[in-house]
N, C-alpha and C. Protein backbone atom coordinates (compact mmCIF):
# COMPACT_ATOMS: atom_id res chain seq x y z
N UNK A 1 -67.30 -96.56 -152.93
CA UNK A 1 -68.87 -96.25 -152.70
C UNK A 1 -69.36 -97.43 -151.15
N UNK A 2 -68.29 -98.23 -150.70
CA UNK A 2 -68.66 -98.70 -149.12
C UNK A 2 -67.90 -97.39 -148.73
N UNK A 3 -67.50 -96.87 -149.24
CA UNK A 3 -66.87 -95.50 -147.56
C UNK A 3 -68.25 -95.02 -147.67
N UNK A 4 -68.25 -94.60 -148.81
CA UNK A 4 -69.64 -93.80 -148.83
C UNK A 4 -70.78 -94.07 -148.08
N UNK A 5 -70.91 -95.62 -148.22
CA UNK A 5 -72.17 -95.40 -147.60
C UNK A 5 -71.93 -95.94 -145.97
N UNK A 6 -70.55 -96.08 -145.89
CA UNK A 6 -70.39 -95.49 -144.21
C UNK A 6 -70.71 -94.30 -143.76
N UNK A 7 -69.68 -93.51 -144.66
CA UNK A 7 -70.02 -91.79 -143.81
C UNK A 7 -71.16 -91.94 -143.77
N UNK A 8 -72.28 -91.89 -144.81
CA UNK A 8 -74.01 -91.96 -144.91
C UNK A 8 -74.69 -92.13 -143.50
N UNK A 9 -74.51 -93.75 -142.88
CA UNK A 9 -74.71 -94.37 -142.37
C UNK A 9 -73.86 -93.56 -140.40
N UNK A 10 -72.37 -93.33 -140.69
CA UNK A 10 -72.16 -92.82 -139.40
C UNK A 10 -72.49 -91.19 -138.96
N UNK A 11 -72.34 -90.62 -140.32
CA UNK A 11 -72.90 -89.16 -139.82
C UNK A 11 -74.47 -89.20 -139.43
N UNK A 12 -75.83 -89.67 -140.03
CA UNK A 12 -76.35 -89.77 -139.62
C UNK A 12 -77.04 -90.28 -138.07
N UNK A 13 -76.52 -91.47 -137.76
CA UNK A 13 -76.46 -92.12 -136.52
C UNK A 13 -75.51 -91.51 -135.45
N UNK A 14 -74.56 -90.58 -135.15
CA UNK A 14 -73.35 -90.37 -134.69
C UNK A 14 -73.09 -89.14 -134.99
N UNK A 15 -71.80 -89.31 -136.17
CA UNK A 15 -71.35 -87.52 -136.39
C UNK A 15 -71.96 -86.75 -136.95
N UNK A 16 -72.91 -87.08 -136.80
CA UNK A 16 -73.69 -85.29 -137.57
C UNK A 16 -75.14 -85.36 -137.00
N UNK A 17 -75.79 -86.33 -135.48
CA UNK A 17 -76.78 -86.49 -134.87
C UNK A 17 -77.75 -85.54 -134.89
N UNK A 18 -78.98 -86.01 -135.77
CA UNK A 18 -79.58 -84.04 -135.69
C UNK A 18 -80.48 -83.47 -134.55
N UNK A 19 -80.38 -84.75 -133.31
CA UNK A 19 -80.14 -84.26 -132.19
C UNK A 19 -79.04 -83.22 -130.97
N UNK A 20 -78.36 -84.41 -130.73
CA UNK A 20 -77.53 -83.90 -130.11
C UNK A 20 -76.29 -83.50 -130.62
N UNK A 21 -76.01 -83.08 -132.19
CA UNK A 21 -75.26 -82.60 -132.90
C UNK A 21 -75.58 -81.96 -133.54
N UNK A 22 -77.20 -81.66 -134.09
CA UNK A 22 -77.59 -80.46 -134.70
C UNK A 22 -78.47 -79.39 -133.78
N UNK A 23 -78.88 -80.25 -133.41
CA UNK A 23 -80.06 -79.93 -132.19
C UNK A 23 -80.87 -79.37 -132.64
N UNK A 24 -81.54 -80.13 -133.40
CA UNK A 24 -82.72 -79.67 -134.26
C UNK A 24 -84.13 -80.93 -133.82
N UNK A 25 -84.92 -80.52 -134.24
CA UNK A 25 -86.37 -81.31 -133.88
C UNK A 25 -86.96 -81.57 -132.59
N UNK A 26 -86.27 -80.18 -131.77
CA UNK A 26 -86.67 -80.29 -130.40
C UNK A 26 -87.98 -80.27 -129.96
N UNK A 27 -89.13 -79.91 -130.37
CA UNK A 27 -90.50 -79.69 -130.48
C UNK A 27 -90.85 -81.65 -130.19
N UNK A 28 -90.84 -82.28 -131.40
CA UNK A 28 -91.70 -83.18 -131.22
C UNK A 28 -90.36 -84.49 -129.88
N UNK A 29 -89.03 -83.94 -129.75
CA UNK A 29 -88.02 -84.73 -128.96
C UNK A 29 -88.97 -84.33 -127.70
N UNK A 30 -89.37 -83.08 -127.43
CA UNK A 30 -90.53 -82.95 -126.15
C UNK A 30 -91.63 -83.37 -125.87
N UNK A 31 -91.79 -83.63 -126.88
CA UNK A 31 -93.91 -83.49 -126.63
C UNK A 31 -93.80 -84.93 -126.94
N UNK A 32 -93.29 -85.69 -127.55
CA UNK A 32 -93.91 -87.00 -127.77
C UNK A 32 -93.16 -88.15 -126.85
N UNK A 33 -91.96 -87.89 -126.10
CA UNK A 33 -91.52 -88.45 -125.52
C UNK A 33 -91.66 -88.73 -123.76
N UNK A 34 -92.81 -88.56 -123.44
CA UNK A 34 -93.89 -88.68 -122.03
C UNK A 34 -94.10 -90.20 -121.94
N UNK A 35 -94.43 -91.34 -123.09
CA UNK A 35 -94.64 -92.66 -123.86
C UNK A 35 -93.65 -93.01 -124.66
N UNK A 36 -93.18 -94.09 -124.12
CA UNK A 36 -92.43 -94.98 -125.45
C UNK A 36 -92.94 -95.42 -126.53
N UNK A 37 -94.00 -96.11 -126.06
CA UNK A 37 -95.14 -96.24 -127.22
C UNK A 37 -95.52 -95.26 -128.61
N UNK A 38 -95.81 -94.20 -127.78
CA UNK A 38 -95.59 -92.88 -128.48
C UNK A 38 -94.78 -92.38 -129.25
N UNK A 39 -93.73 -92.44 -128.72
CA UNK A 39 -92.26 -92.10 -129.40
C UNK A 39 -91.95 -93.06 -130.52
N UNK A 40 -92.06 -94.82 -130.49
CA UNK A 40 -91.84 -95.73 -131.20
C UNK A 40 -92.76 -95.30 -132.87
N UNK A 41 -94.15 -95.22 -132.44
CA UNK A 41 -94.89 -94.31 -133.38
C UNK A 41 -94.63 -93.42 -134.47
N UNK A 42 -94.21 -92.43 -133.66
CA UNK A 42 -93.53 -91.21 -134.16
C UNK A 42 -92.24 -91.37 -134.49
N UNK A 43 -91.61 -92.14 -133.98
CA UNK A 43 -89.72 -92.31 -135.05
C UNK A 43 -90.33 -93.50 -136.25
N UNK A 44 -90.96 -94.42 -136.18
CA UNK A 44 -91.83 -94.95 -137.52
C UNK A 44 -92.42 -94.41 -137.95
N UNK A 45 -93.42 -93.33 -138.22
CA UNK A 45 -94.04 -91.86 -139.14
C UNK A 45 -92.39 -91.19 -139.85
N UNK A 46 -91.90 -90.88 -138.43
CA UNK A 46 -90.51 -90.14 -139.20
C UNK A 46 -89.43 -90.27 -140.10
N UNK A 47 -89.32 -91.67 -139.59
CA UNK A 47 -88.40 -92.76 -140.99
C UNK A 47 -89.16 -92.90 -142.00
N UNK A 48 -90.28 -93.18 -142.12
CA UNK A 48 -90.94 -93.58 -143.54
C UNK A 48 -91.07 -92.34 -143.95
N UNK A 49 -91.14 -90.92 -143.29
CA UNK A 49 -91.98 -89.68 -144.40
C UNK A 49 -90.62 -89.59 -144.81
N UNK A 50 -89.26 -89.21 -143.54
CA UNK A 50 -88.07 -88.34 -144.12
C UNK A 50 -87.05 -89.54 -145.25
N UNK A 51 -86.62 -90.81 -145.30
CA UNK A 51 -86.35 -91.43 -146.38
C UNK A 51 -87.12 -91.60 -147.57
N UNK A 52 -88.00 -91.70 -147.93
CA UNK A 52 -89.11 -91.41 -148.65
C UNK A 52 -89.41 -90.03 -149.73
N UNK A 53 -89.69 -88.98 -148.48
CA UNK A 53 -89.73 -87.78 -148.94
C UNK A 53 -88.33 -87.05 -149.11
N UNK A 54 -86.77 -87.77 -148.86
CA UNK A 54 -85.89 -86.95 -149.69
C UNK A 54 -85.31 -87.46 -150.85
N UNK A 55 -86.22 -89.18 -151.06
CA UNK A 55 -86.15 -90.16 -152.03
C UNK A 55 -86.26 -88.98 -153.55
N UNK A 56 -87.52 -88.94 -152.97
CA UNK A 56 -88.71 -88.16 -153.99
C UNK A 56 -88.37 -87.25 -154.94
N UNK A 57 -87.97 -86.37 -153.69
CA UNK A 57 -87.43 -84.96 -153.63
C UNK A 57 -86.06 -85.27 -154.83
N UNK A 58 -85.33 -86.03 -154.42
CA UNK A 58 -84.22 -86.02 -155.45
C UNK A 58 -84.67 -86.78 -156.71
N UNK A 59 -85.77 -87.78 -157.14
CA UNK A 59 -85.94 -87.79 -158.41
C UNK A 59 -86.58 -86.65 -158.90
N UNK A 60 -87.14 -85.76 -158.21
CA UNK A 60 -87.88 -84.82 -159.52
C UNK A 60 -86.79 -83.59 -159.25
N UNK A 61 -85.60 -83.54 -158.92
CA UNK A 61 -84.77 -82.27 -158.68
C UNK A 61 -84.40 -81.51 -159.76
N UNK A 62 -84.95 -82.49 -160.97
CA UNK A 62 -84.05 -82.36 -161.90
C UNK A 62 -85.06 -81.34 -162.87
N UNK A 63 -86.45 -81.53 -162.83
CA UNK A 63 -87.50 -81.19 -163.31
C UNK A 63 -88.31 -80.24 -162.35
N UNK A 64 -87.53 -79.91 -160.69
CA UNK A 64 -87.84 -78.82 -160.16
C UNK A 64 -87.51 -77.41 -160.84
N UNK A 65 -88.42 -76.49 -160.58
CA UNK A 65 -87.96 -75.16 -160.84
C UNK A 65 -87.57 -74.67 -159.75
N UNK A 66 -86.37 -73.74 -159.61
CA UNK A 66 -85.76 -73.09 -158.44
C UNK A 66 -86.24 -72.34 -157.71
N UNK A 67 -87.24 -71.43 -158.32
CA UNK A 67 -87.91 -70.40 -157.89
C UNK A 67 -88.87 -70.84 -156.89
N UNK A 68 -89.57 -72.50 -156.92
CA UNK A 68 -90.64 -73.05 -156.11
C UNK A 68 -90.29 -74.71 -155.35
N UNK A 69 -88.97 -74.72 -155.63
CA UNK A 69 -88.47 -75.87 -155.13
C UNK A 69 -89.06 -76.26 -153.48
N UNK A 70 -88.92 -74.66 -152.40
CA UNK A 70 -89.18 -74.96 -151.23
C UNK A 70 -90.97 -75.63 -151.03
N UNK A 71 -91.67 -74.68 -151.77
CA UNK A 71 -92.97 -75.67 -152.10
C UNK A 71 -93.32 -76.54 -152.33
N UNK A 72 -92.71 -77.51 -153.30
CA UNK A 72 -92.28 -78.97 -153.81
C UNK A 72 -92.44 -79.28 -152.73
N UNK A 73 -90.92 -79.47 -152.12
CA UNK A 73 -90.38 -79.97 -151.06
C UNK A 73 -91.80 -80.18 -149.85
N UNK A 74 -92.21 -79.36 -149.54
CA UNK A 74 -93.45 -79.32 -148.46
C UNK A 74 -94.33 -79.94 -148.74
N UNK A 75 -94.75 -80.06 -150.15
CA UNK A 75 -96.00 -81.08 -150.56
C UNK A 75 -95.66 -82.69 -150.72
N UNK A 76 -94.31 -82.33 -151.29
CA UNK A 76 -94.13 -83.95 -150.85
C UNK A 76 -93.81 -84.24 -149.56
N UNK A 77 -93.54 -83.59 -148.47
CA UNK A 77 -93.23 -84.23 -147.45
C UNK A 77 -94.71 -84.38 -146.62
N UNK A 78 -95.49 -83.39 -147.25
CA UNK A 78 -96.99 -83.34 -146.90
C UNK A 78 -97.74 -84.92 -147.14
N UNK A 79 -97.31 -84.92 -148.27
CA UNK A 79 -98.05 -86.17 -149.10
C UNK A 79 -97.88 -87.75 -148.10
N UNK A 80 -96.47 -87.29 -148.17
CA UNK A 80 -96.24 -88.95 -146.73
C UNK A 80 -96.94 -88.62 -145.52
N UNK A 81 -96.37 -87.46 -144.81
CA UNK A 81 -97.50 -87.65 -143.50
C UNK A 81 -99.13 -87.63 -143.75
N UNK A 82 -99.83 -87.27 -144.80
CA UNK A 82 -101.37 -87.64 -144.40
C UNK A 82 -101.16 -89.08 -144.72
N UNK A 83 -100.56 -89.61 -145.73
CA UNK A 83 -100.54 -90.95 -145.46
C UNK A 83 -100.31 -91.82 -143.98
N UNK A 84 -99.12 -92.09 -143.50
CA UNK A 84 -99.44 -91.95 -142.14
C UNK A 84 -100.71 -91.56 -141.54
N UNK A 85 -100.74 -90.26 -141.53
CA UNK A 85 -101.81 -90.12 -140.32
C UNK A 85 -103.42 -90.59 -140.64
N UNK A 86 -103.47 -90.90 -142.09
CA UNK A 86 -104.87 -91.82 -142.43
C UNK A 86 -104.44 -92.90 -141.81
N UNK A 87 -103.27 -93.69 -142.11
CA UNK A 87 -103.43 -95.10 -141.59
C UNK A 87 -103.20 -94.94 -140.38
N UNK A 88 -102.78 -94.48 -139.13
CA UNK A 88 -102.86 -94.59 -138.13
C UNK A 88 -104.33 -93.91 -137.61
N UNK A 89 -105.02 -93.17 -138.25
CA UNK A 89 -106.73 -93.00 -137.77
C UNK A 89 -107.52 -94.05 -138.58
N UNK A 90 -107.02 -94.99 -139.53
CA UNK A 90 -107.96 -96.08 -140.11
C UNK A 90 -107.49 -97.16 -139.23
N UNK A 91 -106.32 -97.63 -138.40
CA UNK A 91 -106.20 -98.77 -137.85
C UNK A 91 -105.50 -98.63 -136.51
N UNK A 92 -105.55 -97.19 -136.31
CA UNK A 92 -104.94 -97.07 -134.13
C UNK A 92 -105.60 -95.92 -134.04
N UNK A 93 -107.01 -95.84 -133.76
CA UNK A 93 -107.45 -94.07 -133.54
C UNK A 93 -106.96 -94.13 -132.35
N UNK A 94 -106.51 -94.85 -131.58
CA UNK A 94 -106.10 -94.63 -129.83
C UNK A 94 -104.99 -93.80 -129.98
N UNK A 95 -103.94 -94.03 -130.53
CA UNK A 95 -102.84 -93.69 -130.64
C UNK A 95 -102.98 -92.28 -131.56
N UNK A 96 -103.98 -92.51 -132.90
CA UNK A 96 -103.54 -91.00 -133.36
C UNK A 96 -104.00 -89.69 -132.63
N UNK A 97 -105.62 -90.18 -131.93
CA UNK A 97 -105.22 -89.51 -130.70
C UNK A 97 -104.59 -88.94 -129.36
N UNK A 98 -103.30 -89.81 -129.17
CA UNK A 98 -102.69 -89.98 -128.43
C UNK A 98 -102.02 -88.43 -128.64
N UNK A 99 -101.31 -88.98 -130.16
CA UNK A 99 -100.47 -88.17 -130.66
C UNK A 99 -100.74 -86.94 -130.77
N UNK A 100 -101.87 -86.40 -131.15
CA UNK A 100 -102.88 -85.37 -131.66
C UNK A 100 -102.11 -84.79 -132.70
N UNK A 101 -101.97 -83.48 -132.36
CA UNK A 101 -101.26 -82.77 -134.18
C UNK A 101 -100.10 -83.11 -134.47
N UNK A 102 -98.87 -84.27 -133.71
CA UNK A 102 -97.70 -84.11 -133.39
C UNK A 102 -97.00 -85.23 -134.90
N UNK A 103 -98.20 -85.60 -135.12
CA UNK A 103 -97.53 -86.58 -136.52
C UNK A 103 -97.82 -85.47 -137.86
N UNK A 104 -99.14 -84.38 -138.05
CA UNK A 104 -99.28 -83.26 -138.76
C UNK A 104 -97.77 -82.34 -138.78
N UNK A 105 -97.22 -82.37 -137.75
CA UNK A 105 -96.38 -81.28 -137.43
C UNK A 105 -95.01 -81.79 -137.75
N UNK A 106 -94.83 -83.21 -138.31
CA UNK A 106 -94.01 -83.27 -139.22
C UNK A 106 -92.95 -82.91 -140.42
N UNK A 107 -94.45 -82.01 -141.26
CA UNK A 107 -94.58 -81.29 -142.21
C UNK A 107 -93.64 -80.29 -141.83
N UNK A 108 -93.51 -79.50 -140.89
CA UNK A 108 -92.57 -78.54 -140.28
C UNK A 108 -91.74 -78.76 -139.94
N UNK A 109 -90.94 -80.04 -139.70
CA UNK A 109 -89.71 -80.62 -139.02
C UNK A 109 -88.42 -80.31 -139.34
N UNK A 110 -87.63 -79.74 -138.72
CA UNK A 110 -86.77 -79.13 -139.59
C UNK A 110 -85.72 -79.71 -140.23
N UNK A 111 -86.16 -81.38 -139.48
CA UNK A 111 -85.03 -82.37 -140.11
C UNK A 111 -85.40 -82.67 -141.25
N UNK A 112 -86.73 -82.99 -141.31
CA UNK A 112 -87.40 -83.56 -142.55
C UNK A 112 -86.91 -82.46 -143.87
N UNK A 113 -87.12 -81.36 -144.24
CA UNK A 113 -86.73 -80.13 -145.10
C UNK A 113 -85.55 -80.05 -144.90
N UNK A 114 -84.70 -79.55 -143.85
CA UNK A 114 -83.18 -79.62 -144.10
C UNK A 114 -82.97 -80.89 -144.52
N UNK A 115 -83.33 -81.72 -144.42
CA UNK A 115 -82.23 -83.37 -145.24
C UNK A 115 -82.72 -83.24 -147.05
N UNK A 116 -84.07 -82.96 -146.63
CA UNK A 116 -84.54 -83.18 -148.32
C UNK A 116 -83.89 -81.68 -148.95
N UNK A 117 -83.53 -80.58 -148.32
CA UNK A 117 -82.98 -79.43 -149.14
C UNK A 117 -81.02 -79.68 -149.37
N UNK A 118 -80.56 -80.01 -148.40
CA UNK A 118 -79.07 -80.58 -148.32
C UNK A 118 -78.59 -81.34 -148.90
N UNK A 119 -79.38 -82.62 -148.91
CA UNK A 119 -78.70 -83.81 -149.22
C UNK A 119 -79.96 -84.17 -151.02
N UNK A 120 -81.23 -84.50 -150.68
CA UNK A 120 -82.18 -85.08 -151.74
C UNK A 120 -82.17 -83.79 -153.11
N UNK A 121 -81.68 -82.21 -153.07
CA UNK A 121 -81.56 -81.56 -154.23
C UNK A 121 -80.35 -81.66 -154.60
N UNK A 122 -79.51 -82.58 -154.34
CA UNK A 122 -77.74 -82.53 -155.10
C UNK A 122 -77.78 -84.02 -155.27
N UNK A 123 -77.91 -85.14 -154.53
CA UNK A 123 -77.42 -86.44 -154.38
C UNK A 123 -78.54 -87.12 -155.54
N UNK A 124 -78.11 -88.32 -155.86
CA UNK A 124 -78.79 -89.55 -156.68
C UNK A 124 -80.11 -90.08 -155.48
N UNK A 125 -81.20 -90.71 -155.99
CA UNK A 125 -82.27 -90.80 -155.60
C UNK A 125 -81.72 -91.71 -153.72
N UNK A 126 -81.19 -92.94 -154.36
CA UNK A 126 -80.52 -94.15 -153.23
C UNK A 126 -79.72 -93.16 -152.33
N UNK A 127 -78.48 -92.23 -152.32
CA UNK A 127 -78.22 -92.13 -151.57
C UNK A 127 -79.02 -91.04 -150.92
N UNK A 128 -80.14 -90.30 -151.26
CA UNK A 128 -80.57 -89.34 -150.28
C UNK A 128 -81.92 -89.94 -149.56
N UNK A 129 -81.95 -91.62 -150.56
CA UNK A 129 -82.69 -92.23 -149.13
C UNK A 129 -81.98 -92.68 -148.91
N UNK A 130 -80.95 -93.50 -148.55
CA UNK A 130 -80.14 -93.92 -147.33
C UNK A 130 -79.45 -92.17 -146.18
N UNK A 131 -79.52 -91.47 -146.60
CA UNK A 131 -78.89 -90.34 -145.86
C UNK A 131 -80.85 -89.66 -145.16
N UNK A 132 -81.67 -89.81 -145.97
CA UNK A 132 -82.56 -89.50 -145.05
C UNK A 132 -83.00 -90.91 -143.89
N UNK A 133 -82.83 -92.60 -144.08
CA UNK A 133 -83.31 -92.79 -143.83
C UNK A 133 -82.17 -92.78 -142.16
N UNK A 134 -81.22 -93.33 -142.28
CA UNK A 134 -79.92 -92.80 -141.54
C UNK A 134 -80.03 -91.23 -140.50
N UNK A 135 -80.59 -90.75 -140.44
CA UNK A 135 -80.99 -89.00 -140.28
C UNK A 135 -82.15 -89.60 -139.24
N UNK A 136 -82.73 -90.23 -139.44
CA UNK A 136 -84.22 -90.41 -138.79
C UNK A 136 -84.17 -91.72 -137.90
N UNK A 137 -83.16 -92.57 -137.94
CA UNK A 137 -82.93 -93.33 -137.95
C UNK A 137 -81.80 -93.06 -136.41
N UNK A 138 -80.97 -91.98 -136.47
CA UNK A 138 -80.23 -91.27 -135.14
C UNK A 138 -80.91 -90.46 -134.61
N UNK A 139 -82.09 -90.09 -135.19
CA UNK A 139 -83.33 -88.80 -134.46
C UNK A 139 -83.89 -89.62 -133.63
N UNK A 140 -84.48 -90.93 -134.44
CA UNK A 140 -85.48 -91.77 -133.60
C UNK A 140 -84.38 -92.57 -132.01
N UNK A 141 -82.80 -93.12 -132.42
CA UNK A 141 -82.38 -93.40 -130.70
C UNK A 141 -82.56 -92.14 -129.71
N UNK A 142 -82.17 -91.04 -130.46
CA UNK A 142 -82.22 -90.48 -129.33
C UNK A 142 -83.70 -89.99 -128.43
N UNK A 143 -84.31 -90.12 -128.94
CA UNK A 143 -85.69 -90.10 -128.52
C UNK A 143 -86.24 -91.16 -127.92
N UNK A 144 -86.17 -92.53 -128.33
CA UNK A 144 -86.44 -93.29 -127.26
C UNK A 144 -85.45 -93.59 -126.51
N UNK A 145 -84.29 -93.32 -126.13
CA UNK A 145 -83.67 -93.10 -124.99
C UNK A 145 -83.85 -92.56 -123.96
N UNK A 146 -84.58 -91.05 -124.55
CA UNK A 146 -85.50 -90.08 -123.66
C UNK A 146 -86.85 -90.65 -123.29
N UNK A 147 -87.44 -91.25 -124.48
CA UNK A 147 -88.59 -91.65 -123.94
C UNK A 147 -88.43 -92.86 -122.58
N UNK A 148 -87.96 -93.64 -122.81
CA UNK A 148 -87.27 -94.77 -121.99
C UNK A 148 -86.94 -93.97 -120.74
N UNK A 149 -86.14 -92.99 -120.37
CA UNK A 149 -86.07 -93.14 -119.33
C UNK A 149 -86.82 -91.78 -118.56
N UNK A 150 -87.76 -91.89 -119.39
CA UNK A 150 -88.94 -90.78 -119.00
C UNK A 150 -89.74 -91.41 -118.45
N UNK A 151 -90.43 -92.52 -118.83
CA UNK A 151 -91.24 -93.81 -118.84
C UNK A 151 -90.70 -94.33 -117.04
N UNK A 152 -89.94 -94.60 -117.10
CA UNK A 152 -89.39 -95.32 -116.43
C UNK A 152 -88.89 -94.55 -115.26
N UNK A 153 -89.08 -94.00 -115.07
CA UNK A 153 -88.71 -92.84 -114.14
C UNK A 153 -89.60 -92.10 -113.73
N UNK A 154 -90.69 -91.38 -114.54
CA UNK A 154 -91.83 -90.84 -113.94
C UNK A 154 -93.33 -92.12 -114.10
N UNK A 155 -93.32 -93.08 -114.55
CA UNK A 155 -94.21 -94.03 -114.51
C UNK A 155 -94.15 -95.04 -114.08
N UNK A 156 -93.22 -95.52 -113.91
CA UNK A 156 -92.69 -96.72 -113.24
C UNK A 156 -92.74 -98.01 -114.15
N UNK A 157 -92.90 -97.76 -115.83
CA UNK A 157 -93.73 -98.94 -116.75
C UNK A 157 -92.46 -98.47 -117.68
N UNK A 158 -93.03 -99.68 -118.75
CA UNK A 158 -91.79 -99.77 -119.85
C UNK A 158 -92.52 -100.14 -121.06
N UNK A 159 -93.23 -99.68 -122.14
CA UNK A 159 -93.86 -99.75 -122.55
C UNK A 159 -95.79 -100.36 -122.08
N UNK A 160 -95.83 -99.31 -120.91
CA UNK A 160 -97.41 -99.31 -120.33
C UNK A 160 -97.03 -100.81 -119.22
N UNK A 161 -96.01 -101.89 -119.27
CA UNK A 161 -96.03 -102.85 -118.13
C UNK A 161 -95.20 -102.30 -117.11
N UNK A 162 -95.76 -102.63 -116.35
CA UNK A 162 -94.62 -102.27 -114.75
C UNK A 162 -93.30 -103.17 -114.67
N UNK A 163 -92.99 -101.87 -114.17
CA UNK A 163 -91.25 -102.61 -113.75
C UNK A 163 -90.88 -102.81 -112.20
N UNK A 164 -89.92 -103.92 -112.55
CA UNK A 164 -89.97 -103.97 -111.03
C UNK A 164 -88.60 -103.38 -110.34
N UNK A 165 -89.24 -102.90 -109.31
CA UNK A 165 -88.61 -101.73 -108.20
C UNK A 165 -89.00 -100.22 -108.41
N UNK A 166 -89.34 -99.78 -110.10
CA UNK A 166 -89.43 -98.72 -110.22
C UNK A 166 -91.42 -98.04 -110.08
N UNK A 167 -91.88 -99.69 -109.82
CA UNK A 167 -93.55 -100.03 -109.84
C UNK A 167 -93.82 -100.38 -108.17
N UNK A 168 -93.10 -100.48 -107.47
CA UNK A 168 -92.79 -101.05 -106.37
C UNK A 168 -93.11 -100.31 -105.45
N UNK A 169 -93.41 -100.66 -103.99
CA UNK A 169 -93.52 -99.23 -102.76
C UNK A 169 -92.10 -99.01 -102.43
N UNK A 170 -90.90 -99.17 -102.73
CA UNK A 170 -89.78 -98.51 -102.58
C UNK A 170 -89.54 -96.85 -103.69
N UNK A 171 -90.36 -96.83 -104.29
CA UNK A 171 -89.53 -96.17 -105.80
C UNK A 171 -90.80 -94.92 -105.50
N UNK A 172 -90.36 -93.63 -105.37
CA UNK A 172 -91.81 -92.62 -105.17
C UNK A 172 -91.19 -92.01 -106.63
N UNK A 173 -92.30 -92.53 -107.89
CA UNK A 173 -92.46 -91.87 -108.89
C UNK A 173 -92.04 -90.34 -108.92
N UNK A 174 -91.12 -90.39 -110.02
CA UNK A 174 -90.96 -88.95 -110.00
C UNK A 174 -91.68 -87.90 -111.31
N UNK A 175 -93.21 -87.52 -110.78
CA UNK A 175 -93.56 -86.71 -111.71
C UNK A 175 -93.00 -85.66 -112.99
N UNK A 176 -92.25 -84.86 -111.89
CA UNK A 176 -91.54 -84.03 -113.26
C UNK A 176 -91.51 -84.93 -114.63
N UNK A 177 -90.90 -85.83 -114.34
CA UNK A 177 -90.59 -86.56 -115.47
C UNK A 177 -91.49 -86.89 -116.41
N UNK A 178 -92.49 -86.70 -116.31
CA UNK A 178 -93.66 -87.00 -117.55
C UNK A 178 -93.98 -85.54 -117.83
N UNK A 179 -93.74 -84.55 -117.28
CA UNK A 179 -93.82 -83.33 -117.32
C UNK A 179 -93.23 -82.58 -118.90
N UNK A 180 -93.53 -81.52 -118.99
CA UNK A 180 -92.39 -80.70 -120.03
C UNK A 180 -91.05 -80.51 -119.23
N UNK A 181 -90.91 -80.10 -117.63
CA UNK A 181 -89.42 -79.75 -117.66
C UNK A 181 -88.93 -80.88 -117.92
N UNK A 182 -89.32 -82.47 -117.35
CA UNK A 182 -88.71 -83.21 -117.41
C UNK A 182 -88.18 -83.62 -118.89
N UNK A 183 -89.08 -83.50 -119.81
CA UNK A 183 -88.08 -83.58 -121.19
C UNK A 183 -86.74 -82.74 -121.25
N UNK A 184 -86.98 -81.67 -120.90
CA UNK A 184 -86.18 -80.28 -121.01
C UNK A 184 -84.64 -81.27 -120.19
N UNK A 185 -85.17 -81.76 -119.15
CA UNK A 185 -84.31 -82.45 -118.09
C UNK A 185 -83.35 -83.46 -118.56
N UNK A 186 -83.82 -84.55 -119.08
CA UNK A 186 -83.30 -85.39 -119.85
C UNK A 186 -82.56 -85.79 -121.10
N UNK A 187 -83.36 -85.00 -121.90
CA UNK A 187 -82.58 -84.36 -123.42
C UNK A 187 -81.29 -83.52 -122.88
N UNK A 188 -81.30 -82.90 -121.65
CA UNK A 188 -79.79 -82.13 -121.97
C UNK A 188 -79.15 -83.19 -120.99
N UNK A 189 -79.55 -83.87 -120.14
CA UNK A 189 -78.54 -85.28 -119.38
C UNK A 189 -77.96 -85.88 -120.92
N UNK A 190 -79.31 -86.49 -121.74
CA UNK A 190 -78.79 -86.81 -122.87
C UNK A 190 -77.93 -86.53 -123.52
N UNK A 191 -78.08 -85.30 -123.59
CA UNK A 191 -76.86 -84.92 -124.90
C UNK A 191 -75.44 -84.61 -124.33
N UNK A 192 -75.38 -84.61 -122.98
CA UNK A 192 -74.51 -84.33 -122.33
C UNK A 192 -73.37 -85.17 -121.98
N UNK A 193 -73.95 -86.38 -122.13
CA UNK A 193 -73.63 -87.79 -121.99
C UNK A 193 -72.73 -88.32 -123.29
N UNK A 194 -73.83 -88.38 -124.61
CA UNK A 194 -73.21 -87.92 -126.02
C UNK A 194 -71.71 -87.53 -126.31
N UNK A 195 -71.96 -86.26 -125.69
CA UNK A 195 -70.98 -85.60 -126.52
C UNK A 195 -69.66 -85.29 -125.66
N UNK A 196 -70.01 -85.80 -124.28
CA UNK A 196 -68.78 -86.43 -123.18
C UNK A 196 -68.06 -87.66 -123.75
N UNK A 197 -68.88 -88.43 -124.63
CA UNK A 197 -68.39 -89.94 -125.16
C UNK A 197 -68.17 -89.10 -126.28
N UNK A 198 -68.17 -88.38 -127.20
CA UNK A 198 -67.66 -87.71 -128.13
C UNK A 198 -66.23 -87.28 -128.16
N UNK A 199 -66.49 -86.05 -126.76
CA UNK A 199 -64.74 -85.45 -127.07
C UNK A 199 -63.88 -86.60 -126.23
N UNK A 200 -64.11 -87.29 -125.89
CA UNK A 200 -63.61 -88.52 -125.10
C UNK A 200 -62.34 -89.34 -126.33
N UNK A 201 -63.56 -89.69 -127.37
CA UNK A 201 -63.17 -90.36 -128.69
C UNK A 201 -62.26 -89.14 -129.11
N UNK A 202 -62.59 -88.03 -129.33
CA UNK A 202 -61.57 -86.99 -130.24
C UNK A 202 -60.30 -87.24 -130.02
N UNK A 203 -60.63 -87.40 -128.14
CA UNK A 203 -59.02 -87.72 -127.35
C UNK A 203 -58.23 -88.41 -127.56
N UNK A 204 -59.05 -89.60 -127.36
CA UNK A 204 -58.08 -90.59 -128.13
C UNK A 204 -57.32 -90.58 -129.26
N UNK A 205 -58.13 -90.15 -130.64
CA UNK A 205 -57.31 -90.24 -131.48
C UNK A 205 -56.60 -89.67 -131.76
N UNK A 206 -56.67 -88.54 -130.94
CA UNK A 206 -54.97 -87.26 -131.00
C UNK A 206 -54.24 -87.91 -130.61
């Protein structure tokens, strides 16, 4: 059991990371990572939605007819996304406005649907919950790195607070970093770095 849990954790966080290994969920990676605060909220929303959706799909898997399975999964995911959206609108309307439609688009996020389909449909609820949790954490890990780099280099701030040197007269802010091309460049560099580490690790193990 412990080895199985370790495998779930290592696969979600690194070995089968949704972004730099599977190249999934790129839309939100590029859309919400211009500010770290927005990214943190989006990551929390995805962790909540993915872990609970996978567990719920698992609990209902024996009662769900195969021919409507995808529809049921979509409804389950939509339920948790609506909960997140309503909580944001009620308690943090400014952040809800900043994120715009991207919270709602979690419903169509291929990571969420993919883990519900690949894991939630064939495994017990606890296993599915952990799988969803650590895949969401692995996804969030990469998003937070990208958002930190983009905000720091593009705006000279960290969570909205000016950073020494990056916000001073000696640093010329890279406006491209808060524009869509900056997201592509940063994602490419981060993916390249992580995959380089993986290749080195594989070579050492041989």
